[in-house]
């Protein structure tokens, strides 16, 4: 029973790390990448859909993203959605192609982005700790219901704590790598 709890906790902690990586990938550095526009939604026939579902998103060069709408009447809506997103991007339409240049990051903007990255990492660590709390509560319930011995419960909680330490250390590594990436010019 306790091994099942540990396996469940580990898979949830792994998922928390994946979400952290996803969230950090949305924070842009000075380089262009198509995943940057994944979180931008545009209205299409009354519903909000990601830009990638109404346009072809490509890299034109290292610092420019190209967005080519599937339908020409969507260009203005896509351009407005990108401009209104809080990514600090300023798209420009050239015919039916929308060019999204990546502005150089100022020192001040880098520091702001590092604050955002750190808060994302803290959310990831809190998520991992919540998984630990849930697993420990489950183990304590098993102990209370006399389904496991006190020794087994203690060993189970120690194992969950080791998992927690491992995944929090991994989250810290991911954070350090992203901070380094942001500070690189």
Protein backbone atom coordinates (compact mmCIF):
# COMPACT_ATOMS: atom_id res chain seq x y z
CA UNK A 1 0.00 0.00 0.00
CA UNK A 2 2.71 2.45 0.96
CA UNK A 3 4.65 1.67 -2.22
CA UNK A 4 1.53 2.59 -4.22
CA UNK A 5 1.33 5.90 -2.37
CA UNK A 6 5.02 6.53 -3.12
CA UNK A 7 4.59 5.72 -6.82
CA UNK A 8 1.57 8.02 -7.06
CA UNK A 9 3.43 10.79 -5.25
CA UNK A 10 6.45 10.40 -7.53
CA UNK A 11 4.34 10.57 -10.70
CA UNK A 12 2.55 13.69 -9.39
CA UNK A 13 5.88 15.31 -8.49
CA UNK A 14 7.20 14.47 -11.97
CA UNK A 15 4.12 16.11 -13.47
CA UNK A 16 4.72 19.21 -11.31
CA UNK A 17 8.23 19.44 -12.78
CA UNK A 18 6.86 19.11 -16.30
CA UNK A 19 4.38 21.93 -15.65
CA UNK A 20 7.22 24.05 -14.27
CA UNK A 21 9.29 23.42 -17.41
CA UNK A 22 6.27 24.30 -19.57
CA UNK A 23 5.65 27.53 -17.68
CA UNK A 24 9.31 28.54 -17.80
CA UNK A 25 9.49 27.88 -21.53
CA UNK A 26 6.82 30.56 -21.98
CA UNK A 27 9.07 33.16 -20.40
CA UNK A 28 11.00 34.54 -23.32
CA UNK A 29 14.67 35.15 -23.48
CA UNK A 30 16.14 37.30 -26.25
CA UNK A 31 15.78 34.51 -28.81
CA UNK A 32 12.71 33.75 -30.85
CA UNK A 33 10.95 30.41 -30.60
CA UNK A 34 7.54 29.39 -31.88
CA UNK A 35 6.41 28.09 -28.48
CA UNK A 36 6.35 31.68 -27.28
CA UNK A 37 2.97 32.24 -28.95
CA UNK A 38 1.41 29.02 -27.58
CA UNK A 39 -0.27 30.90 -24.75
CA UNK A 40 -1.72 33.60 -27.04
CA UNK A 41 -5.38 32.98 -27.84
CA UNK A 42 -7.38 34.63 -30.61
CA UNK A 43 -11.15 34.76 -31.09
CA UNK A 44 -12.25 32.50 -33.93
CA UNK A 45 -15.94 31.99 -34.63
CA UNK A 46 -16.94 32.90 -31.10
CA UNK A 47 -14.38 30.84 -29.18
CA UNK A 48 -10.85 31.46 -27.97
CA UNK A 49 -8.28 29.27 -29.73
CA UNK A 50 -4.47 29.26 -29.72
CA UNK A 51 -2.79 31.17 -32.56
CA UNK A 52 -1.24 27.92 -33.81
CA UNK A 53 -4.75 26.63 -34.68
CA UNK A 54 -5.58 29.56 -36.97
CA UNK A 55 -2.15 30.30 -38.41
CA UNK A 56 1.17 28.78 -39.38
CA UNK A 57 3.81 29.89 -36.85
CA UNK A 58 7.42 29.70 -38.05
CA UNK A 59 10.82 31.21 -37.34
CA UNK A 60 11.89 33.69 -40.00
CA UNK A 61 15.30 34.16 -38.36
CA UNK A 62 16.85 33.93 -34.88
CA UNK A 63 15.05 37.04 -33.67
CA UNK A 64 11.79 37.03 -35.69
CA UNK A 65 8.68 34.84 -35.61
CA UNK A 66 6.48 34.69 -38.71
CA UNK A 67 2.73 34.13 -38.38
CA UNK A 68 0.80 33.35 -41.57
CA UNK A 69 -2.97 33.09 -40.98
CA UNK A 70 -4.84 30.29 -42.73
CA UNK A 71 -7.63 32.79 -43.47
CA UNK A 72 -6.65 36.30 -44.53
CA UNK A 73 -9.44 37.93 -42.49
CA UNK A 74 -7.80 36.60 -39.27
CA UNK A 75 -4.60 38.66 -39.67
CA UNK A 76 -5.86 41.73 -37.81
CA UNK A 77 -7.31 39.64 -34.97
CA UNK A 78 -4.08 37.65 -34.58
CA UNK A 79 -1.97 40.81 -34.65
CA UNK A 80 -4.18 42.39 -31.96
CA UNK A 81 -4.09 39.23 -29.81
CA UNK A 82 -0.28 39.13 -29.92
CA UNK A 83 -0.03 42.84 -29.14
CA UNK A 84 -2.53 42.55 -26.24
CA UNK A 85 -0.78 39.53 -24.71
CA UNK A 86 1.54 40.53 -21.88
CA UNK A 87 4.59 39.24 -23.75
CA UNK A 88 5.84 42.72 -24.67
CA UNK A 89 5.79 41.93 -28.39
CA UNK A 90 4.99 44.37 -31.19
CA UNK A 91 3.84 42.48 -34.33
CA UNK A 92 3.82 44.11 -37.76
CA UNK A 93 1.72 42.93 -40.70
CA UNK A 94 3.50 42.70 -44.06
CA UNK A 95 0.86 41.67 -46.57
CA UNK A 96 -0.68 38.47 -45.21
CA UNK A 97 2.40 37.67 -43.07
CA UNK A 98 2.66 38.94 -39.50
CA UNK A 99 6.26 39.51 -38.42
CA UNK A 100 6.90 39.38 -34.67
CA UNK A 101 10.39 40.72 -33.90
CA UNK A 102 11.95 39.88 -30.54
CA UNK A 103 13.08 43.07 -28.84
CA UNK A 104 16.42 43.07 -27.06
CA UNK A 105 16.03 42.54 -23.35
CA UNK A 106 17.06 45.45 -21.17
CA UNK A 107 18.73 44.81 -17.83
CA UNK A 108 15.56 45.97 -16.06
CA UNK A 109 13.37 43.64 -18.13
CA UNK A 110 15.75 40.73 -17.44
CA UNK A 111 15.40 41.34 -13.71
CA UNK A 112 11.62 41.47 -14.01
CA UNK A 113 11.65 38.19 -15.94
CA UNK A 114 13.87 36.61 -13.28
CA UNK A 115 11.27 37.58 -10.65
CA UNK A 116 8.58 35.91 -12.77
CA UNK A 117 10.74 32.81 -13.22
CA UNK A 118 11.43 32.60 -9.49
CA UNK A 119 7.74 32.85 -8.64
CA UNK A 120 6.98 30.09 -11.18
CA UNK A 121 9.67 27.92 -9.58
CA UNK A 122 8.24 28.60 -6.12
CA UNK A 123 4.80 27.53 -7.37
CA UNK A 124 6.40 24.33 -8.62
CA UNK A 125 8.05 23.69 -5.25
CA UNK A 126 4.76 24.38 -3.44
CA UNK A 127 3.03 21.91 -5.76
CA UNK A 128 5.65 19.27 -4.92
CA UNK A 129 5.23 19.94 -1.20
CA UNK A 130 1.46 19.63 -1.55
CA UNK A 131 1.95 16.19 -3.09
CA UNK A 132 4.16 15.29 -0.10
CA UNK A 133 1.48 16.50 2.33
CA UNK A 134 -1.23 14.48 0.57
CA UNK A 135 0.94 11.34 0.54
CA UNK A 136 1.79 11.75 4.25
CA UNK A 137 -1.89 12.29 5.09
CA UNK A 138 -2.73 9.10 3.23
CA UNK A 139 -0.02 7.18 5.13
CA UNK A 140 -1.29 8.58 8.46
CA UNK A 141 -4.82 7.49 7.56
CA UNK A 142 -3.54 3.97 6.86
CA UNK A 143 -1.77 4.00 10.25
CA UNK A 144 -4.89 5.29 12.02
CA UNK A 145 -6.98 2.55 10.39
CA UNK A 146 -4.34 0.02 11.58
CA UNK A 147 -3.60 -1.10 8.00
CA UNK A 148 0.15 -0.51 8.44
CA UNK A 149 2.53 -0.56 11.41
CA UNK A 150 4.12 2.57 12.87
CA UNK A 151 7.52 1.52 11.49
CA UNK A 152 6.12 1.07 7.99
CA UNK A 153 4.39 4.45 8.20
CA UNK A 154 7.60 6.16 9.39
CA UNK A 155 9.63 4.54 6.59
CA UNK A 156 6.96 5.54 4.08
CA UNK A 157 7.04 9.17 5.25
CA UNK A 158 10.85 9.19 5.07
CA UNK A 159 10.73 7.82 1.52
CA UNK A 160 8.20 10.48 0.51
CA UNK A 161 10.45 13.14 2.07
CA UNK A 162 13.44 11.85 0.05
CA UNK A 163 11.33 12.05 -3.11
CA UNK A 164 10.31 15.59 -2.19
CA UNK A 165 13.93 16.64 -1.63
CA UNK A 166 14.95 15.10 -4.96
CA UNK A 167 12.23 16.87 -6.97
CA UNK A 168 12.71 20.23 -5.23
CA UNK A 169 16.44 20.02 -6.03
CA UNK A 170 15.51 19.30 -9.67
CA UNK A 171 13.17 22.34 -9.70
CA UNK A 172 16.04 24.46 -8.33
CA UNK A 173 18.33 23.18 -11.13
CA UNK A 174 15.72 24.09 -13.75
CA UNK A 175 15.37 27.55 -12.18
CA UNK A 176 19.13 28.12 -12.16
CA UNK A 177 19.42 27.14 -15.81
CA UNK A 178 16.59 29.49 -16.81
CA UNK A 179 18.08 32.38 -14.78
CA UNK A 180 21.42 31.80 -16.49
CA UNK A 181 19.69 31.77 -19.87
CA UNK A 182 17.93 35.06 -19.08
CA UNK A 183 21.10 36.79 -17.93
CA UNK A 184 23.09 35.68 -21.01
CA UNK A 185 23.30 38.50 -23.53
